[in-house]
C-alpha atoms as a PDB file:
ATOM      1  CA  MET A   1    -114.225  -2.177  39.458  1.00  0.00           C
ATOM      2  CA  ASN A   2    -111.911  -5.171  39.211  1.00  0.00           C
ATOM      3  CA  SER A   3    -108.604  -5.772  40.974  1.00  0.00           C
ATOM      4  CA  ASP A   4    -106.214  -8.264  39.398  1.00  0.00           C
ATOM      5  CA  LEU A   5    -103.506 -10.042  41.299  1.00  0.00           C
ATOM      6  CA  GLU A   6    -101.100 -11.423  38.732  1.00  0.00           C
ATOM      7  CA  GLU A   7     -98.998 -14.476  39.307  1.00  0.00           C
ATOM      8  CA  SER A   8     -95.487 -14.935  37.944  1.00  0.00           C
ATOM      9  CA  ASP A   9     -96.917 -17.345  35.216  1.00  0.00           C
ATOM     10  CA  GLY A  10     -99.303 -14.641  34.040  1.00  0.00           C
ATOM     11  CA  GLN A  11    -102.504 -16.053  35.594  1.00  0.00           C
ATOM     12  CA  ARG A  12    -104.824 -13.623  37.390  1.00  0.00           C
ATOM     13  CA  PHE A  13    -107.077 -13.816  40.279  1.00  0.00           C
ATOM     14  CA  ARG A  14    -109.988 -11.520  39.450  1.00  0.00           C
ATOM     15  CA  LEU A  15    -111.485  -9.703  42.444  1.00  0.00           C
ATOM     16  CA  PRO A  16    -114.758  -7.903  41.649  1.00  0.00           C
ATOM     17  CA  VAL A  17    -115.058  -4.968  43.974  1.00  0.00           C
ATOM     18  CA  TYR A  18    -118.416  -3.183  44.484  1.00  0.00           C
ATOM     19  CA  ARG A  19    -119.628  -0.224  46.445  1.00  0.00           C
ATOM     20  CA  LEU A  20    -122.564  -0.951  48.711  1.00  0.00           C
ATOM     21  CA  ASP A  21    -124.035   1.608  51.009  1.00  0.00           C
ATOM     22  CA  GLY A  22    -120.743   3.480  51.118  1.00  0.00           C
ATOM     23  CA  GLU A  23    -118.617   0.375  51.762  1.00  0.00           C
ATOM     24  CA  LEU A  24    -116.401  -1.568  49.425  1.00  0.00           C
ATOM     25  CA  VAL A  25    -117.340  -5.296  49.225  1.00  0.00           C
ATOM     26  CA  ILE A  26    -115.982  -8.384  47.451  1.00  0.00           C
ATOM     27  CA  PRO A  27    -118.349 -11.292  46.844  1.00  0.00           C
ATOM     28  CA  ALA A  28    -117.483 -14.259  49.077  1.00  0.00           C
ATOM     29  CA  ILE A  29    -117.275 -16.646  46.117  1.00  0.00           C
ATOM     30  CA  ALA A  30    -114.430 -14.436  44.661  1.00  0.00           C
ATOM     31  CA  VAL A  31    -112.552 -14.577  47.991  1.00  0.00           C
ATOM     32  CA  THR A  32    -112.970 -18.293  48.432  1.00  0.00           C
ATOM     33  CA  ASP A  33    -111.944 -18.926  44.785  1.00  0.00           C
ATOM     34  CA  MET A  34    -108.893 -16.723  45.275  1.00  0.00           C
ATOM     35  CA  LEU A  35    -107.903 -18.548  48.470  1.00  0.00           C
ATOM     36  CA  ARG A  36    -108.218 -21.921  46.896  1.00  0.00           C
ATOM     37  CA  GLY A  37    -106.414 -20.581  43.717  1.00  0.00           C
ATOM     38  CA  ILE A  38    -103.483 -19.380  45.858  1.00  0.00           C
ATOM     39  CA  ALA A  39    -103.237 -22.801  47.581  1.00  0.00           C
ATOM     40  CA  GLU A  40    -103.259 -24.515  44.128  1.00  0.00           C
ATOM     41  CA  LEU A  41    -100.626 -22.136  42.827  1.00  0.00           C
ATOM     42  CA  TRP A  42     -98.339 -22.717  45.830  1.00  0.00           C
ATOM     43  CA  GLU A  43     -98.656 -26.466  45.370  1.00  0.00           C
ATOM     44  CA  THR A  44     -97.893 -26.084  41.669  1.00  0.00           C
ATOM     45  CA  TRP A  45     -94.769 -23.992  42.630  1.00  0.00           C
ATOM     46  CA  ARG A  46     -93.703 -26.499  45.253  1.00  0.00           C
ATOM     47  CA  ARG A  47     -93.744 -29.351  42.688  1.00  0.00           C
ATOM     48  CA  SER A  48     -91.826 -27.396  40.086  1.00  0.00           C
ATOM     49  CA  ASP A  49     -88.103 -26.912  39.996  1.00  0.00           C
ATOM     50  CA  GLN A  50     -88.474 -23.112  39.521  1.00  0.00           C
ATOM     51  CA  HIS A  51     -89.358 -22.292  43.126  1.00  0.00           C
ATOM     52  CA  ARG A  52     -87.809 -23.523  46.270  1.00  0.00           C
ATOM     53  CA  MET A  53     -90.543 -24.152  48.687  1.00  0.00           C
ATOM     54  CA  ASP A  54     -90.470 -26.278  51.829  1.00  0.00           C
ATOM     55  CA  ASP A  55     -92.846 -29.209  51.574  1.00  0.00           C
ATOM     56  CA  GLU A  56     -94.045 -29.250  55.043  1.00  0.00           C
ATOM     57  CA  THR A  57     -94.563 -25.520  55.328  1.00  0.00           C
ATOM     58  CA  THR A  58     -96.246 -25.306  51.946  1.00  0.00           C
ATOM     59  CA  ALA A  59     -98.678 -28.130  52.841  1.00  0.00           C
ATOM     60  CA  VAL A  60     -99.590 -26.373  56.182  1.00  0.00           C
ATOM     61  CA  LEU A  61    -100.286 -23.116  54.445  1.00  0.00           C
ATOM     62  CA  CYS A  62    -102.237 -24.647  51.705  1.00  0.00           C
ATOM     63  CA  THR A  63    -104.345 -26.516  54.104  1.00  0.00           C
ATOM     64  CA  ALA A  64    -104.974 -23.389  56.227  1.00  0.00           C
ATOM     65  CA  LEU A  65    -106.115 -21.510  53.138  1.00  0.00           C
ATOM     66  CA  GLU A  66    -108.414 -24.254  51.982  1.00  0.00           C
ATOM     67  CA  ARG A  67    -109.980 -24.584  55.437  1.00  0.00           C
ATOM     68  CA  PHE A  68    -110.483 -20.787  55.682  1.00  0.00           C
ATOM     69  CA  ALA A  69    -112.252 -20.955  52.290  1.00  0.00           C
ATOM     70  CA  ASP A  70    -114.418 -23.865  53.393  1.00  0.00           C
ATOM     71  CA  GLN A  71    -115.243 -21.959  56.657  1.00  0.00           C
ATOM     72  CA  LEU A  72    -116.214 -18.779  54.585  1.00  0.00           C
ATOM     73  CA  ASP A  73    -118.442 -21.036  52.372  1.00  0.00           C
ATOM     74  CA  THR A  74    -120.077 -22.521  55.408  1.00  0.00           C
ATOM     75  CA  GLU A  75    -120.760 -19.229  57.086  1.00  0.00           C
ATOM     76  CA  CYS A  76    -122.179 -17.705  53.905  1.00  0.00           C
ATOM     77  CA  ILE A  77    -124.462 -20.651  53.406  1.00  0.00           C
ATOM     78  CA  ALA A  78    -125.744 -20.242  56.982  1.00  0.00           C
ATOM     79  CA  VAL A  79    -126.438 -16.487  56.532  1.00  0.00           C
ATOM     80  CA  ALA A  80    -128.137 -17.059  53.135  1.00  0.00           C
ATOM     81  CA  ASP A  81    -130.353 -19.855  54.340  1.00  0.00           C
ATOM     82  CA  PRO A  82    -133.865 -18.561  54.283  1.00  0.00           C
ATOM     83  CA  ARG A  83    -135.103 -20.966  56.981  1.00  0.00           C
ATOM     84  CA  PRO A  84    -135.729 -19.385  60.308  1.00  0.00           C
ATOM     85  CA  THR A  85    -133.362 -20.438  63.104  1.00  0.00           C
ATOM     86  CA  ARG A  86    -134.689 -21.710  66.410  1.00  0.00           C
END
């Protein structure tokens, strides 16, 4: 199953959704790609004349999304690391 979030310019963020042990799951890479894509989209909108977006607020929001994506990447790498922890 895929869930599409469509942007005003027609681009889509594809979110693959799977059922695992009775739970719905979305791969972490899809979530981090979506977060980074939204941040990039907001930056594009901020630079265009079509959308009125406050520079400072947009920068803070984009940075927050990018940091959250980085944090998810780091946590997933730690969980996936086959080396035993001490």
